[in-house]
Protein backbone atom coordinates (compact mmCIF):
# COMPACT_ATOMS: atom_id res chain seq x y z
CA UNK A 1 105.91 126.27 107.00
CA UNK A 2 103.23 127.42 104.55
CA UNK A 3 100.39 124.91 104.48
CA UNK A 4 99.64 123.51 101.03
CA UNK A 5 101.23 122.35 97.80
CA UNK A 6 101.11 124.25 94.52
CA UNK A 7 102.44 121.67 92.06
CA UNK A 8 100.55 119.23 89.89
CA UNK A 9 100.12 115.72 91.31
CA UNK A 10 99.53 112.53 89.37
CA UNK A 11 99.86 109.79 91.96
CA UNK A 12 99.77 106.06 91.24
CA UNK A 13 98.38 104.59 94.47
CA UNK A 14 99.15 101.04 95.54
CA UNK A 15 99.35 101.28 99.32
CA UNK A 16 96.56 98.71 99.73
CA UNK A 17 97.43 96.07 102.30
CA UNK A 18 94.71 93.89 103.88
CA UNK A 19 92.36 94.14 100.91
CA UNK A 20 95.25 93.55 98.51
CA UNK A 21 96.40 90.30 100.09
CA UNK A 22 92.84 88.98 100.42
CA UNK A 23 91.46 89.87 97.02
CA UNK A 24 94.55 89.15 94.95
CA UNK A 25 96.01 86.22 96.81
CA UNK A 26 93.26 84.91 99.11
CA UNK A 27 95.52 85.33 102.14
CA UNK A 28 93.89 85.88 105.52
CA UNK A 29 95.82 87.04 108.57
CA UNK A 30 99.56 87.58 108.60
CA UNK A 31 101.18 86.32 105.38
CA UNK A 32 103.96 83.78 105.64
CA UNK A 33 107.39 84.54 104.12
CA UNK A 34 106.58 83.02 100.72
CA UNK A 35 103.18 84.69 100.62
CA UNK A 36 104.66 88.06 101.55
CA UNK A 37 107.27 87.67 98.81
CA UNK A 38 104.52 87.20 96.21
CA UNK A 39 102.69 90.31 97.42
CA UNK A 40 105.91 92.34 97.40
CA UNK A 41 106.67 91.21 93.86
CA UNK A 42 103.19 92.19 92.66
CA UNK A 43 103.73 95.70 94.02
CA UNK A 44 107.01 95.86 92.12
CA UNK A 45 105.07 95.23 88.91
CA UNK A 46 102.92 98.31 89.62
CA UNK A 47 106.07 100.34 90.24
CA UNK A 48 107.50 99.04 86.98
CA UNK A 49 104.37 100.48 85.38
CA UNK A 50 105.25 103.88 86.84
CA UNK A 51 108.79 103.61 85.50
CA UNK A 52 107.43 102.73 82.06
CA UNK A 53 105.14 105.78 82.23
CA UNK A 54 108.09 108.03 83.08
CA UNK A 55 110.04 106.58 80.17
CA UNK A 56 107.04 107.33 77.94
CA UNK A 57 107.05 110.98 78.94
CA UNK A 58 105.09 111.38 82.19
CA UNK A 59 106.03 114.63 83.95
CA UNK A 60 108.63 113.68 86.58
CA UNK A 61 107.82 116.78 88.61
CA UNK A 62 104.19 115.66 89.02
CA UNK A 63 104.12 111.86 88.71
CA UNK A 64 104.55 109.95 91.95
CA UNK A 65 103.62 106.84 93.87
CA UNK A 66 101.73 106.03 97.05
CA UNK A 67 103.04 102.79 98.54
CA UNK A 68 103.07 101.16 101.96
CA UNK A 69 105.95 100.16 104.21
CA UNK A 70 104.64 96.62 104.87
CA UNK A 71 104.93 95.35 101.30
CA UNK A 72 106.58 98.27 99.54
CA UNK A 73 109.72 99.16 101.46
CA UNK A 74 112.04 98.27 98.58
CA UNK A 75 109.88 100.19 96.12
CA UNK A 76 109.76 103.24 98.40
CA UNK A 77 113.52 103.29 98.86
CA UNK A 78 114.11 102.87 95.13
CA UNK A 79 111.69 105.67 94.32
CA UNK A 80 113.50 107.98 96.74
CA UNK A 81 116.87 107.13 95.19
CA UNK A 82 115.45 107.90 91.75
CA UNK A 83 113.93 111.22 92.85
CA UNK A 84 110.34 110.04 92.28
CA UNK A 85 107.70 111.74 94.41
CA UNK A 86 106.80 109.40 97.27
CA UNK A 87 103.74 109.24 99.49
CA UNK A 88 103.27 106.66 102.26
CA UNK A 89 100.29 105.74 104.47
CA UNK A 90 100.19 106.26 108.22
CA UNK A 91 96.84 104.62 109.02
CA UNK A 92 96.26 101.10 110.28
CA UNK A 93 94.83 99.10 107.39
CA UNK A 94 91.18 98.09 107.27
CA UNK A 95 89.94 100.04 110.29
CA UNK A 96 86.67 101.97 110.43
CA UNK A 97 88.22 104.35 112.98
CA UNK A 98 91.53 105.98 112.14
CA UNK A 99 94.51 104.95 114.22
CA UNK A 100 98.24 104.85 113.64
CA UNK A 101 99.71 101.75 111.98
CA UNK A 102 102.77 101.91 114.21
CA UNK A 103 101.21 103.49 117.30
CA UNK A 104 103.38 106.01 119.09
CA UNK A 105 106.27 105.10 116.78
CA UNK A 106 104.62 106.72 113.78
CA UNK A 107 107.07 109.63 113.78
CA UNK A 108 110.09 107.34 113.56
CA UNK A 109 108.60 105.40 110.64
CA UNK A 110 107.78 108.56 108.69
CA UNK A 111 111.21 110.04 109.38
CA UNK A 112 112.99 106.86 108.24
CA UNK A 113 111.50 107.14 104.73
CA UNK A 114 110.98 110.91 104.63
CA UNK A 115 108.23 110.80 101.97
CA UNK A 116 107.01 113.90 100.17
CA UNK A 117 103.58 113.25 101.72
CA UNK A 118 102.43 111.27 104.74
CA UNK A 119 98.96 110.03 103.84
CA UNK A 120 95.93 108.98 105.87
CA UNK A 121 92.68 107.35 104.85
CA UNK A 122 89.88 108.44 107.17
CA UNK A 123 86.18 107.57 107.26
CA UNK A 124 84.46 110.62 108.69
CA UNK A 125 80.76 111.33 108.32
CA UNK A 126 79.74 114.43 110.28
CA UNK A 127 76.41 112.80 111.13
CA UNK A 128 78.01 109.60 112.43
CA UNK A 129 79.19 108.79 115.97
CA UNK A 130 80.44 112.06 117.44
CA UNK A 131 82.75 110.37 119.94
CA UNK A 132 84.48 108.40 117.17
CA UNK A 133 84.84 111.53 115.07
CA UNK A 134 86.34 113.42 118.02
CA UNK A 135 88.88 110.67 118.72
CA UNK A 136 89.88 110.59 115.07
CA UNK A 137 90.23 114.37 114.92
CA UNK A 138 92.49 114.39 117.98
CA UNK A 139 94.85 111.81 116.47
CA UNK A 140 94.82 113.56 113.11
CA UNK A 141 95.68 116.88 114.68
CA UNK A 142 98.62 115.26 116.47
CA UNK A 143 99.85 113.95 113.12
CA UNK A 144 99.28 117.23 111.25
CA UNK A 145 101.01 119.28 113.94
CA UNK A 146 104.06 117.00 113.94
CA UNK A 147 104.30 116.90 110.16
CA UNK A 148 104.21 120.66 109.79
CA UNK A 149 106.53 121.25 112.75
CA UNK A 150 109.09 119.07 110.92
CA UNK A 151 108.50 120.61 107.46
CA UNK A 152 106.60 117.62 106.10
CA UNK A 153 103.39 117.53 104.08
CA UNK A 154 100.05 115.88 104.81
CA UNK A 155 97.86 114.08 102.24
CA UNK A 156 94.36 113.46 103.64
CA UNK A 157 92.08 110.90 101.95
CA UNK A 158 88.55 111.62 103.14
CA UNK A 159 85.81 109.01 102.77
CA UNK A 160 82.26 109.84 103.82
CA UNK A 161 80.37 106.52 103.92
CA UNK A 162 76.60 106.80 104.13
CA UNK A 163 74.81 106.40 107.43
CA UNK A 164 71.59 104.34 107.19
CA UNK A 165 69.37 107.35 107.88
CA UNK A 166 71.02 109.24 105.00
CA UNK A 167 70.06 106.61 102.43
CA UNK A 168 66.32 106.57 103.06
CA UNK A 169 65.66 110.04 101.59
CA UNK A 170 67.42 109.02 98.35
CA UNK A 171 65.54 105.75 97.99
CA UNK A 172 68.43 103.68 99.38
CA UNK A 173 70.28 104.41 96.16
CA UNK A 174 74.08 104.71 96.73
CA UNK A 175 74.46 106.54 93.42
CA UNK A 176 71.98 109.23 94.44
CA UNK A 177 73.70 109.50 97.83
CA UNK A 178 77.01 110.11 96.03
CA UNK A 179 75.52 112.76 93.77
CA UNK A 180 72.99 114.51 96.01
CA UNK A 181 74.16 114.07 99.61
CA UNK A 182 77.84 113.24 99.87
CA UNK A 183 79.31 116.48 98.44
CA UNK A 184 77.62 118.58 101.12
CA UNK A 185 78.65 116.16 103.86
CA UNK A 186 82.24 116.26 102.60
CA UNK A 187 82.29 120.03 102.89
CA UNK A 188 80.97 119.86 106.46
CA UNK A 189 83.47 117.10 107.34
CA UNK A 190 86.39 119.17 106.06
CA UNK A 191 85.12 122.23 107.95
CA UNK A 192 84.81 120.24 111.19
CA UNK A 193 88.29 118.82 110.82
CA UNK A 194 89.72 122.27 110.11
CA UNK A 195 87.96 123.62 113.20
CA UNK A 196 89.55 120.77 115.18
CA UNK A 197 93.00 121.95 114.06
CA UNK A 198 93.54 119.30 111.37
CA UNK A 199 95.39 121.06 108.56
CA UNK A 200 96.01 119.06 105.39
CA UNK A 201 98.20 120.18 102.50
CA UNK A 202 96.26 118.12 99.98
CA UNK A 203 92.76 116.67 100.37
CA UNK A 204 92.21 113.43 98.45
CA UNK A 205 88.57 113.68 97.40
CA UNK A 206 86.09 111.00 96.33
CA UNK A 207 84.87 111.50 92.79
CA UNK A 208 82.25 114.20 92.18
CA UNK A 209 80.19 114.50 88.99
CA UNK A 210 79.35 118.21 89.18
CA UNK A 211 82.05 120.90 88.75
CA UNK A 212 80.03 123.18 91.04
CA UNK A 213 80.34 120.63 93.84
CA UNK A 214 84.07 120.31 93.13
CA UNK A 215 84.32 124.09 93.48
CA UNK A 216 82.41 124.01 96.77
CA UNK A 217 84.83 121.42 98.18
CA UNK A 218 87.91 123.25 96.93
CA UNK A 219 86.68 126.54 98.39
CA UNK A 220 86.24 124.90 101.80
CA UNK A 221 89.71 123.38 101.62
CA UNK A 222 91.21 126.80 100.86
CA UNK A 223 89.04 128.89 103.22
CA UNK A 224 90.42 131.53 105.60
CA UNK A 225 93.84 132.01 104.05
CA UNK A 226 94.57 128.39 103.18
CA UNK A 227 95.30 129.60 99.66
CA UNK A 228 97.87 126.92 98.77
CA UNK A 229 95.89 123.91 100.01
CA UNK A 230 94.82 121.67 97.15
CA UNK A 231 92.65 118.72 96.20
CA UNK A 232 93.21 115.59 94.14
CA UNK A 233 90.64 113.13 92.77
CA UNK A 234 90.69 109.52 93.96
CA UNK A 235 89.49 106.63 91.85
CA UNK A 236 87.52 104.34 94.21
CA UNK A 237 88.36 101.40 91.96
CA UNK A 238 85.70 102.60 89.52
CA UNK A 239 85.66 101.92 85.80
CA UNK A 240 87.32 104.33 83.40
CA UNK A 241 84.06 105.97 82.35
CA UNK A 242 83.23 107.00 85.92
CA UNK A 243 86.77 108.16 86.69
CA UNK A 244 86.87 110.17 83.46
CA UNK A 245 83.70 111.97 84.57
CA UNK A 246 85.24 112.88 87.94
CA UNK A 247 88.48 114.07 86.38
CA UNK A 248 86.68 116.25 83.85
CA UNK A 249 84.49 117.73 86.60
CA UNK A 250 87.54 118.71 88.66
CA UNK A 251 90.22 119.61 86.14
CA UNK A 252 89.26 123.26 85.60
CA UNK A 253 88.37 123.99 89.22
CA UNK A 254 90.85 126.27 91.03
CA UNK A 255 92.62 124.37 93.77
CA UNK A 256 92.51 120.94 92.16
CA UNK A 257 96.01 119.61 91.48
CA UNK A 258 95.40 116.26 89.76
CA UNK A 259 94.62 112.79 91.01
CA UNK A 260 95.68 109.88 93.19
CA UNK A 261 94.29 106.76 91.51
CA UNK A 262 95.06 103.13 92.23
CA UNK A 263 92.89 100.12 91.39
CA UNK A 264 91.30 101.78 88.36
CA UNK A 265 94.80 101.83 86.85
CA UNK A 266 96.36 98.55 87.88
CA UNK A 267 93.66 96.11 88.94
CA UNK A 268 93.03 94.25 85.67
CA UNK A 269 96.59 93.99 84.31
CA UNK A 270 97.99 93.06 87.72
CA UNK A 271 95.29 90.42 88.25
CA UNK A 272 96.10 88.92 84.86
CA UNK A 273 99.79 88.84 85.82
CA UNK A 274 99.16 87.28 89.23
CA UNK A 275 96.91 84.65 87.64
CA UNK A 276 99.56 83.84 85.04
CA UNK A 277 97.52 85.16 82.12
CA UNK A 278 99.76 88.12 81.24
CA UNK A 279 103.55 88.46 81.09
CA UNK A 280 105.16 90.80 83.59
CA UNK A 281 106.37 93.35 81.05
CA UNK A 282 102.98 93.49 79.32
CA UNK A 283 101.24 94.05 82.67
CA UNK A 284 103.60 96.91 83.52
CA UNK A 285 103.11 98.40 80.06
CA UNK A 286 99.32 98.31 80.43
CA UNK A 287 99.54 99.95 83.86
CA UNK A 288 101.65 102.70 82.32
CA UNK A 289 99.13 103.20 79.50
CA UNK A 290 96.23 103.46 81.95
CA UNK A 291 98.15 105.96 84.09
CA UNK A 292 99.08 108.10 81.10
CA UNK A 293 95.52 107.91 79.81
CA UNK A 294 94.15 109.44 83.02
CA UNK A 295 96.77 112.18 82.89
CA UNK A 296 95.56 112.91 79.36
CA UNK A 297 91.94 113.10 80.47
CA UNK A 298 92.79 115.44 83.34
CA UNK A 299 94.85 117.66 81.09
CA UNK A 300 91.99 118.07 78.63
CA UNK A 301 91.93 114.98 76.44
């Protein structure tokens, strides 16, 4: 199959698992049946926000969801039945080193849902532990090769957390690291993964302030004939002002397709709902408004 994806993508991401149950519900370890039911219901509220956005005019060919199997099976199956673009995570939640959530059974789990995209979240700093990076790359190549051999697409969320020695030169300022250091490291990380045989269809990229840096990343993603490979902006749970900056920096750059944003869209209204401070329908409506607002920003508003 041809590697890449040419369509627009506006993905509402709520595949959070360990962090979701801890921060929203204070649940440590494996949730009991009643606890799991509450988590599952909260994810349904986010999905109801997507449905409200579609009813309000969101482009059905571009709007989609990213949801997990653990707490979102019903949502995923409903989305498929409704023809809504579906992405699902493959990685084990909360791990510094990428590994498969379902071990050697990952192929069966992907095939059972048949999402538009299988997604991974990977922490990969090219100046970090080389042995860890090599192990991750080997697993990711196995996944990429299987996905493309079975005509499936790969959504790769790349995080490049700072190493201690990378913070010193920028005064231990995480903001300066993000602006001055991380974009270059991201380009090198993508290049190393490509050289290791890891071929993504869409790279999910941490927010970048400078359009020139967005262009540098997109050019690396599409290098050497990878003309159809694209990028989307992720939200990092940041406030709307920061996310708006990243969307505006990326929106006119060739190769960028849209965004995959989660907490920045649903965190506040869902927290109000979970805490009993906002009715369910109002929470879903606010999620829809936030989602549509980001689409508007990306499309030039």
